[in-house]
Amino acid sequence: MLEREVRTIEKTPTEARCGGVRGIALRVAIAFGLWAVATALPSSAETEGDWQQAVRSEVQAQHLDAALTIVAERLRIAPDDYEAHGWRGRLLAWKGRWSDAEAEYKLVLEKFPDDVEILTALSDVLVWQHKNAEALEVLNHAKQISPSDPEVLSRQARVLTLLGRTRDAAVGISATSDLRSGQ
């Protein structure tokens, strides 16, 4: 039978507090790992626009599902990111999921009721769903906020035409033409 020699290793005070040499090595490894992760991950300031650029790239390539996935991940990380909710509304609208897009735009408008871009996008979705009277209400609100916005005025004229109010639509078209020509 082989006998093993058992040696007692004296520990330094640091080793005693940290659980010996293995404890120190483990703590150093953990600290290094945390440092490596922290320096490898971009800061939130760096990633703020990155997800939007990725969405724009996917949209340009007509990969709407991929763009929706990026937005879904952004909303998982930052559920109160209303810019992401606006993107989700646009993407859903472009995919023909108009009622879902309508709900997303209305969610944004609960927090930012005077966002003209979201109001005009919502009006488009409402028109596509043949909710022309509701679209006109939305555009009237947008016009109160931005009375000389040609996008608002042209959409309003289109909805007025759809509602059979051609005289009112003609006034809107004239105002839009004047604004675009710089008069």
Protein backbone atom coordinates (compact mmCIF):
# COMPACT_ATOMS: atom_id res chain seq x y z
CA MET A 1 0.00 0.00 0.00
CA LEU A 2 1.29 3.39 -0.96
CA GLU A 3 1.29 6.04 1.63
CA ARG A 4 0.69 9.59 0.70
CA GLU A 5 2.39 12.41 2.33
CA VAL A 6 -0.02 14.99 3.54
CA ARG A 7 1.38 18.45 3.79
CA THR A 8 -0.12 21.39 5.49
CA ILE A 9 0.22 24.55 3.53
CA GLU A 10 0.21 27.69 5.51
CA LYS A 11 -2.11 30.34 4.13
CA THR A 12 -1.39 34.02 3.93
CA PRO A 13 -4.00 36.33 5.51
CA THR A 14 -5.35 37.16 2.03
CA GLU A 15 -5.67 33.48 1.14
CA ALA A 16 -7.43 32.79 4.42
CA ARG A 17 -10.04 35.53 3.73
CA CYS A 18 -10.58 34.50 0.11
CA GLY A 19 -10.68 30.74 0.51
CA GLY A 20 -7.14 29.90 -0.37
CA VAL A 21 -5.31 30.06 -3.67
CA ARG A 22 -8.29 28.60 -5.53
CA GLY A 23 -10.56 31.24 -4.00
CA ILE A 24 -8.27 34.03 -5.10
CA ALA A 25 -7.98 32.54 -8.58
CA LEU A 26 -11.76 32.23 -8.81
CA ARG A 27 -12.32 35.82 -7.71
CA VAL A 28 -9.70 37.08 -10.17
CA ALA A 29 -11.34 35.07 -12.96
CA ILE A 30 -14.79 36.43 -12.10
CA ALA A 31 -13.49 39.99 -11.94
CA PHE A 32 -11.74 39.56 -15.28
CA GLY A 33 -14.86 38.03 -16.81
CA LEU A 34 -17.03 40.91 -15.62
CA TRP A 35 -14.51 43.40 -16.95
CA ALA A 36 -14.36 41.62 -20.31
CA VAL A 37 -18.15 41.59 -20.64
CA ALA A 38 -18.46 45.23 -19.58
CA THR A 39 -15.87 46.41 -22.10
CA ALA A 40 -17.20 44.22 -24.91
CA LEU A 41 -20.79 45.42 -24.62
CA PRO A 42 -21.52 48.77 -26.20
CA SER A 43 -22.96 51.40 -23.91
CA SER A 44 -26.65 52.27 -24.14
CA ALA A 45 -25.71 55.57 -25.78
CA GLU A 46 -23.89 53.68 -28.54
CA THR A 47 -26.78 51.27 -29.16
CA GLU A 48 -29.59 53.84 -29.09
CA GLY A 49 -29.45 54.50 -32.83
CA ASP A 50 -27.92 51.18 -33.85
CA TRP A 51 -31.18 49.25 -33.65
CA GLN A 52 -32.90 51.91 -35.76
CA GLN A 53 -30.16 51.74 -38.38
CA ALA A 54 -30.52 47.95 -38.43
CA VAL A 55 -34.28 48.32 -38.91
CA ARG A 56 -33.78 50.82 -41.75
CA SER A 57 -31.35 48.43 -43.44
CA GLU A 58 -33.81 45.55 -43.21
CA VAL A 59 -36.64 47.72 -44.52
CA GLN A 60 -34.48 48.89 -47.42
CA ALA A 61 -33.80 45.23 -48.25
CA GLN A 62 -37.57 44.59 -47.92
CA HIS A 63 -37.03 42.22 -44.98
CA LEU A 64 -39.97 43.40 -42.91
CA ASP A 65 -40.08 40.29 -40.71
CA ALA A 66 -36.41 40.75 -39.82
CA ALA A 67 -37.07 44.41 -39.04
CA LEU A 68 -39.99 43.42 -36.82
CA THR A 69 -37.72 40.99 -34.97
CA ILE A 70 -35.22 43.77 -34.29
CA VAL A 71 -38.00 46.03 -33.00
CA ALA A 72 -39.43 43.23 -30.86
CA GLU A 73 -36.01 42.73 -29.27
CA ARG A 74 -35.69 46.47 -28.67
CA LEU A 75 -39.11 46.51 -26.98
CA ARG A 76 -38.13 43.50 -24.87
CA ILE A 77 -35.13 45.46 -23.60
CA ALA A 78 -36.88 48.86 -23.43
CA PRO A 79 -40.68 48.39 -23.32
CA ASP A 80 -41.25 52.14 -22.90
CA ASP A 81 -39.30 53.06 -26.04
CA TYR A 82 -42.03 54.84 -27.96
CA GLU A 83 -39.79 55.31 -30.98
CA ALA A 84 -39.66 51.52 -31.20
CA HIS A 85 -43.44 51.34 -30.84
CA GLY A 86 -43.72 53.83 -33.72
CA TRP A 87 -41.47 51.63 -35.85
CA ARG A 88 -43.55 48.60 -34.92
CA GLY A 89 -46.67 50.46 -36.07
CA ARG A 90 -45.06 51.33 -39.41
CA LEU A 91 -43.85 47.80 -40.01
CA LEU A 92 -47.21 46.28 -39.13
CA ALA A 93 -48.94 48.74 -41.45
CA TRP A 94 -46.56 47.90 -44.31
CA LYS A 95 -47.28 44.21 -43.76
CA GLY A 96 -51.03 44.89 -44.05
CA ARG A 97 -51.70 44.26 -40.36
CA TRP A 98 -53.66 47.48 -40.10
CA SER A 99 -55.61 46.87 -36.90
CA ASP A 100 -52.39 45.91 -35.10
CA ALA A 101 -50.69 49.01 -36.50
CA GLU A 102 -53.64 51.14 -35.39
CA ALA A 103 -53.33 49.79 -31.84
CA GLU A 104 -49.58 50.46 -31.80
CA TYR A 105 -49.99 54.04 -33.03
CA LYS A 106 -52.72 54.68 -30.45
CA LEU A 107 -50.39 53.37 -27.74
CA VAL A 108 -47.79 55.95 -28.76
CA LEU A 109 -50.40 58.69 -28.90
CA GLU A 110 -51.47 57.95 -25.32
CA LYS A 111 -48.03 59.15 -24.24
CA PHE A 112 -47.37 61.68 -27.04
CA PRO A 113 -50.78 62.93 -28.27
CA ASP A 114 -49.26 65.70 -30.40
CA ASP A 115 -46.84 63.60 -32.46
CA VAL A 116 -47.76 64.70 -35.98
CA GLU A 117 -45.80 61.90 -37.65
CA ILE A 118 -47.68 59.24 -35.68
CA LEU A 119 -51.00 61.05 -36.24
CA THR A 120 -50.51 61.07 -40.02
CA ALA A 121 -49.42 57.43 -40.00
CA LEU A 122 -52.50 56.53 -37.96
CA SER A 123 -54.69 58.42 -40.44
CA ASP A 124 -53.27 56.33 -43.29
CA VAL A 125 -54.02 53.09 -41.45
CA LEU A 126 -57.55 54.29 -40.70
CA VAL A 127 -58.13 55.17 -44.37
CA TRP A 128 -56.88 51.75 -45.45
CA GLN A 129 -59.46 50.25 -43.07
CA HIS A 130 -62.19 52.53 -44.53
CA LYS A 131 -62.48 54.44 -41.25
CA ASN A 132 -62.46 57.76 -43.07
CA ALA A 133 -64.41 59.82 -40.51
CA GLU A 134 -62.02 58.74 -37.75
CA ALA A 135 -59.05 59.48 -40.02
CA LEU A 136 -60.40 62.99 -40.58
CA GLU A 137 -60.65 63.54 -36.80
CA VAL A 138 -57.03 62.47 -36.41
CA LEU A 139 -55.92 64.75 -39.24
CA ASN A 140 -57.88 67.69 -37.81
CA HIS A 141 -55.94 67.23 -34.58
CA ALA A 142 -52.67 67.05 -36.53
CA LYS A 143 -53.60 70.24 -38.39
CA GLN A 144 -54.18 72.06 -35.08
CA ILE A 145 -50.62 71.15 -34.09
CA SER A 146 -48.98 71.78 -37.44
CA PRO A 147 -51.33 73.93 -39.56
CA SER A 148 -48.95 74.38 -42.50
CA ASP A 149 -47.60 70.83 -42.75
CA PRO A 150 -48.10 69.77 -46.39
CA GLU A 151 -48.27 66.08 -45.40
CA VAL A 152 -51.15 66.79 -43.05
CA LEU A 153 -52.95 69.05 -45.52
CA SER A 154 -52.65 66.63 -48.45
CA ARG A 155 -53.86 63.69 -46.35
CA GLN A 156 -56.73 65.79 -45.06
CA ALA A 157 -57.72 66.73 -48.62
CA ARG A 158 -57.61 63.05 -49.63
CA VAL A 159 -59.85 62.01 -46.73
CA LEU A 160 -62.26 64.86 -47.41
CA THR A 161 -62.51 63.64 -51.01
CA LEU A 162 -63.19 60.10 -49.80
CA LEU A 163 -65.98 61.48 -47.62
CA GLY A 164 -67.48 63.30 -50.62
CA ARG A 165 -66.53 66.75 -49.36
CA THR A 166 -64.83 67.81 -52.59
CA ARG A 167 -65.21 71.56 -52.04
CA ASP A 168 -63.39 71.32 -48.69
CA ALA A 169 -60.83 69.02 -50.29
CA ALA A 170 -60.16 71.56 -53.07
CA VAL A 171 -59.38 74.24 -50.47
CA GLY A 172 -56.95 71.85 -48.78
CA ILE A 173 -55.30 70.94 -52.06
CA SER A 174 -54.91 74.63 -52.94
CA ALA A 175 -53.30 75.32 -49.53
CA THR A 176 -50.96 72.36 -49.98
CA SER A 177 -49.95 73.52 -53.47
CA ASP A 178 -49.29 77.04 -52.18
CA LEU A 179 -47.08 75.70 -49.39
CA ARG A 180 -45.11 73.42 -51.69
CA SER A 181 -44.52 76.16 -54.25
CA GLY A 182 -43.40 78.56 -51.51
CA GLN A 183 -46.19 81.13 -51.90
